[in-house]
Each structure stands twice: as structure tokens, then as C-alpha cells.
Amino acid sequence: MFRLKKNEELKKWETVLQDLGYTPQGSKSAAEKIVSMNEKLKNEYIKWLETGFLPDINVEGFDLEGLMDVFGMSATSAFITLDWLLRDPDEAKSHLAEPLTKIAVPEEVEEEIRQADKTDKGECVSESEK
């Protein structure tokens, strides 16, 4: 009986998320996270869906607007991220601390930067290091 209710709730959320522009696969993944979301947070998410008003919720120093502005998240993703911060703050914060983009720097450029840093610090750089 409980399993049937959970499946019905999943289907409902998948439909809502597809209406918000999620792909079928994306809506399934997000729906699973919403179904297991902290109840108070889920209620705030439902209010947001109904009113468009973004609540002022802060978890571990992160809030909805910040997650949306800084990380480019949708409101749904920001709510899911706040839930993650509630459930596993260390892992979530570690993930959020990673750079948004990683740039591959050629080894020669890295060496030039190291040499420039040494020069800026007043360190002697021998000809063989150049």
C-alpha cells in the first residue's frame, strides 16, 4: 500500500517537473529527490510552486537566491541542494566548493607562473630554472 502511494507521488512530481521544462529522465531523478525531501522544505517548495514567492531559507550558510545566482541553479535544483545540505552537509559543501569550471593549463604556462611568483616574492631565479 505504501509503495503504491510513493509511486503515485513520484508520477505526480515527474509531471510537475516536466511542466517546468525538465526532460523525462531529469524529472524522474528530481522527483525521487523531492519525494524524500525534508517535509518542511518540501512544503516551502510547494508554496513556491503555487505562489512564485521564494522563501528566505538558509542552510549551512547557503540560501535559495544565492544558489540560483552564484551557481546558476533553477529554483527546483536550489531546493534539492538545500535538502542535501540538511542531510549531508559535509559532502554537499565540499561539492559546492569545487570550481564551477576547470581550466586545463599547459605545463609550460604553469612553470612560467611559478617563476613569476618567485620573482614577485623577491626570490632568486637561476638561469637553469628559467
C-alpha atoms as a PDB file:
ATOM      1  CA  MET A   1       0.000   0.000   0.000  1.00  0.00           C
ATOM      2  CA  PHE A   2       2.740   2.484   0.991  1.00  0.00           C
ATOM      3  CA  ARG A   3       4.714   1.584  -2.150  1.00  0.00           C
ATOM      4  CA  LEU A   4       1.730   2.446  -4.330  1.00  0.00           C
ATOM      5  CA  LYS A   5       1.392   5.860  -2.669  1.00  0.00           C
ATOM      6  CA  LYS A   6       5.085   6.578  -3.207  1.00  0.00           C
ATOM      7  CA  ASN A   7       4.817   5.601  -6.888  1.00  0.00           C
ATOM      8  CA  GLU A   8       1.787   7.872  -7.280  1.00  0.00           C
ATOM      9  CA  GLU A   9       3.684  10.738  -5.656  1.00  0.00           C
ATOM     10  CA  LEU A  10       6.683  10.126  -7.918  1.00  0.00           C
ATOM     11  CA  LYS A  11       4.483  10.234 -11.023  1.00  0.00           C
ATOM     12  CA  LYS A  12       2.829  13.445  -9.816  1.00  0.00           C
ATOM     13  CA  TRP A  13       6.198  15.124  -9.286  1.00  0.00           C
ATOM     14  CA  GLU A  14       7.526  13.895 -12.638  1.00  0.00           C
ATOM     15  CA  THR A  15       4.555  15.559 -14.346  1.00  0.00           C
ATOM     16  CA  VAL A  16       5.041  18.808 -12.409  1.00  0.00           C
ATOM     17  CA  LEU A  17       8.745  18.866 -13.261  1.00  0.00           C
ATOM     18  CA  GLN A  18       8.148  18.159 -16.945  1.00  0.00           C
ATOM     19  CA  ASP A  19       5.714  21.082 -16.942  1.00  0.00           C
ATOM     20  CA  LEU A  20       8.632  23.166 -15.589  1.00  0.00           C
ATOM     21  CA  GLY A  21      10.772  22.092 -18.547  1.00  0.00           C
ATOM     22  CA  TYR A  22      12.600  19.046 -17.208  1.00  0.00           C
ATOM     23  CA  THR A  23      13.291  16.159 -19.563  1.00  0.00           C
ATOM     24  CA  PRO A  24      11.586  12.844 -18.709  1.00  0.00           C
ATOM     25  CA  GLN A  25      14.871  11.456 -17.326  1.00  0.00           C
ATOM     26  CA  GLY A  26      15.661  14.674 -15.428  1.00  0.00           C
ATOM     27  CA  SER A  27      12.161  14.811 -13.992  1.00  0.00           C
ATOM     28  CA  LYS A  28      12.431  11.224 -12.743  1.00  0.00           C
ATOM     29  CA  SER A  29      15.716  11.930 -10.947  1.00  0.00           C
ATOM     30  CA  ALA A  30      14.498  15.212  -9.422  1.00  0.00           C
ATOM     31  CA  ALA A  31      11.134  13.686  -8.449  1.00  0.00           C
ATOM     32  CA  GLU A  32      12.894  10.961  -6.449  1.00  0.00           C
ATOM     33  CA  LYS A  33      14.785  13.654  -4.534  1.00  0.00           C
ATOM     34  CA  ILE A  34      11.646  15.710  -3.915  1.00  0.00           C
ATOM     35  CA  VAL A  35       9.698  12.701  -2.629  1.00  0.00           C
ATOM     36  CA  SER A  36      12.383  12.079   0.007  1.00  0.00           C
ATOM     37  CA  MET A  37      12.917  15.793   0.751  1.00  0.00           C
ATOM     38  CA  ASN A  38      12.689  17.152   4.290  1.00  0.00           C
ATOM     39  CA  GLU A  39       8.954  17.755   4.869  1.00  0.00           C
ATOM     40  CA  LYS A  40       9.284  21.416   5.929  1.00  0.00           C
ATOM     41  CA  LEU A  41      11.459  22.148   2.912  1.00  0.00           C
ATOM     42  CA  LYS A  42       9.087  20.258   0.615  1.00  0.00           C
ATOM     43  CA  ASN A  43       6.181  22.337   1.921  1.00  0.00           C
ATOM     44  CA  GLU A  44       8.129  25.522   1.145  1.00  0.00           C
ATOM     45  CA  TYR A  45       8.849  24.177  -2.347  1.00  0.00           C
ATOM     46  CA  ILE A  46       5.129  23.521  -2.879  1.00  0.00           C
ATOM     47  CA  LYS A  47       4.338  27.069  -1.696  1.00  0.00           C
ATOM     48  CA  TRP A  48       6.896  28.389  -4.184  1.00  0.00           C
ATOM     49  CA  LEU A  49       5.239  26.397  -6.977  1.00  0.00           C
ATOM     50  CA  GLU A  50       1.856  27.827  -6.014  1.00  0.00           C
ATOM     51  CA  THR A  51       2.853  31.460  -5.410  1.00  0.00           C
ATOM     52  CA  GLY A  52       6.195  32.042  -7.116  1.00  0.00           C
ATOM     53  CA  PHE A  53       7.433  33.529  -3.834  1.00  0.00           C
ATOM     54  CA  LEU A  54      10.947  32.346  -2.951  1.00  0.00           C
ATOM     55  CA  PRO A  55      11.206  31.836   0.821  1.00  0.00           C
ATOM     56  CA  ASP A  56      14.194  33.040   2.814  1.00  0.00           C
ATOM     57  CA  ILE A  57      15.686  29.710   3.871  1.00  0.00           C
ATOM     58  CA  ASN A  58      19.317  29.349   4.918  1.00  0.00           C
ATOM     59  CA  VAL A  59      21.058  26.008   5.422  1.00  0.00           C
ATOM     60  CA  GLU A  60      24.745  25.814   6.315  1.00  0.00           C
ATOM     61  CA  GLY A  61      25.270  29.365   5.028  1.00  0.00           C
ATOM     62  CA  PHE A  62      23.539  28.769   1.679  1.00  0.00           C
ATOM     63  CA  ASP A  63      20.197  30.188   0.616  1.00  0.00           C
ATOM     64  CA  LEU A  64      17.953  29.746  -2.392  1.00  0.00           C
ATOM     65  CA  GLU A  65      18.766  33.065  -4.066  1.00  0.00           C
ATOM     66  CA  GLY A  66      22.497  32.530  -3.622  1.00  0.00           C
ATOM     67  CA  LEU A  67      22.379  29.043  -5.096  1.00  0.00           C
ATOM     68  CA  MET A  68      20.401  30.364  -8.038  1.00  0.00           C
ATOM     69  CA  ASP A  69      22.572  33.455  -8.602  1.00  0.00           C
ATOM     70  CA  VAL A  70      26.045  32.070  -7.914  1.00  0.00           C
ATOM     71  CA  PHE A  71      25.622  28.529  -9.215  1.00  0.00           C
ATOM     72  CA  GLY A  72      23.019  29.205 -11.898  1.00  0.00           C
ATOM     73  CA  MET A  73      20.597  26.689 -10.383  1.00  0.00           C
ATOM     74  CA  SER A  74      16.899  26.584 -11.065  1.00  0.00           C
ATOM     75  CA  ALA A  75      14.661  27.059  -8.028  1.00  0.00           C
ATOM     76  CA  THR A  76      13.972  23.313  -8.020  1.00  0.00           C
ATOM     77  CA  SER A  77      17.682  22.486  -8.024  1.00  0.00           C
ATOM     78  CA  ALA A  78      18.278  25.017  -5.254  1.00  0.00           C
ATOM     79  CA  PHE A  79      15.583  23.410  -3.064  1.00  0.00           C
ATOM     80  CA  ILE A  80      17.080  19.969  -3.731  1.00  0.00           C
ATOM     81  CA  THR A  81      20.532  21.306  -2.847  1.00  0.00           C
ATOM     82  CA  LEU A  82      19.274  22.778   0.436  1.00  0.00           C
ATOM     83  CA  ASP A  83      17.830  19.365   1.244  1.00  0.00           C
ATOM     84  CA  TRP A  84      21.220  17.793   0.503  1.00  0.00           C
ATOM     85  CA  LEU A  85      22.842  20.365   2.814  1.00  0.00           C
ATOM     86  CA  LEU A  86      20.425  19.293   5.553  1.00  0.00           C
ATOM     87  CA  ARG A  87      21.055  15.558   5.050  1.00  0.00           C
ATOM     88  CA  ASP A  88      24.811  15.539   4.374  1.00  0.00           C
ATOM     89  CA  PRO A  89      26.309  18.986   4.967  1.00  0.00           C
ATOM     90  CA  ASP A  90      29.970  17.981   4.658  1.00  0.00           C
ATOM     91  CA  GLU A  91      29.574  16.254   1.295  1.00  0.00           C
ATOM     92  CA  ALA A  92      27.269  18.948  -0.081  1.00  0.00           C
ATOM     93  CA  LYS A  93      29.550  21.807   0.994  1.00  0.00           C
ATOM     94  CA  SER A  94      32.582  20.008  -0.421  1.00  0.00           C
ATOM     95  CA  HIS A  95      30.807  19.629  -3.758  1.00  0.00           C
ATOM     96  CA  LEU A  96      29.665  23.261  -3.756  1.00  0.00           C
ATOM     97  CA  ALA A  97      33.216  24.436  -3.002  1.00  0.00           C
ATOM     98  CA  GLU A  98      34.563  22.883  -6.222  1.00  0.00           C
ATOM     99  CA  PRO A  99      35.214  25.365  -9.006  1.00  0.00           C
ATOM    100  CA  LEU A 100      32.357  25.746 -11.451  1.00  0.00           C
ATOM    101  CA  THR A 101      34.754  25.281 -14.346  1.00  0.00           C
ATOM    102  CA  LYS A 102      38.176  23.744 -14.514  1.00  0.00           C
ATOM    103  CA  ILE A 103      40.723  25.130 -16.902  1.00  0.00           C
ATOM    104  CA  ALA A 104      43.497  22.953 -18.244  1.00  0.00           C
ATOM    105  CA  VAL A 105      46.734  24.916 -18.114  1.00  0.00           C
ATOM    106  CA  PRO A 106      49.707  23.651 -20.137  1.00  0.00           C
ATOM    107  CA  GLU A 107      52.750  22.642 -18.059  1.00  0.00           C
ATOM    108  CA  GLU A 108      54.893  25.400 -19.640  1.00  0.00           C
ATOM    109  CA  VAL A 109      52.417  28.054 -18.556  1.00  0.00           C
ATOM    110  CA  GLU A 110      52.304  26.638 -15.034  1.00  0.00           C
ATOM    111  CA  GLU A 111      56.105  26.843 -14.899  1.00  0.00           C
ATOM    112  CA  GLU A 112      56.039  30.463 -16.114  1.00  0.00           C
ATOM    113  CA  ILE A 113      53.539  31.288 -13.373  1.00  0.00           C
ATOM    114  CA  ARG A 114      55.743  29.623 -10.725  1.00  0.00           C
ATOM    115  CA  GLN A 115      58.750  31.599 -11.947  1.00  0.00           C
ATOM    116  CA  ALA A 116      56.782  34.852 -11.942  1.00  0.00           C
ATOM    117  CA  ASP A 117      55.610  34.127  -8.387  1.00  0.00           C
ATOM    118  CA  LYS A 118      59.209  33.601  -7.266  1.00  0.00           C
ATOM    119  CA  THR A 119      60.269  36.860  -8.910  1.00  0.00           C
ATOM    120  CA  ASP A 120      57.325  38.730  -7.351  1.00  0.00           C
ATOM    121  CA  LYS A 121      58.359  37.430  -3.929  1.00  0.00           C
ATOM    122  CA  GLY A 122      61.917  38.627  -4.473  1.00  0.00           C
ATOM    123  CA  GLU A 123      63.324  35.124  -4.699  1.00  0.00           C
ATOM    124  CA  CYS A 124      66.349  34.499  -6.890  1.00  0.00           C
ATOM    125  CA  VAL A 125      65.625  32.515 -10.005  1.00  0.00           C
ATOM    126  CA  SER A 126      68.669  30.847 -11.572  1.00  0.00           C
ATOM    127  CA  GLU A 127      69.122  30.656 -15.315  1.00  0.00           C
ATOM    128  CA  SER A 128      68.630  26.874 -15.185  1.00  0.00           C
ATOM    129  CA  GLU A 129      65.172  27.361 -13.575  1.00  0.00           C
ATOM    130  CA  LYS A 130      64.066  29.765 -16.304  1.00  0.00           C
END
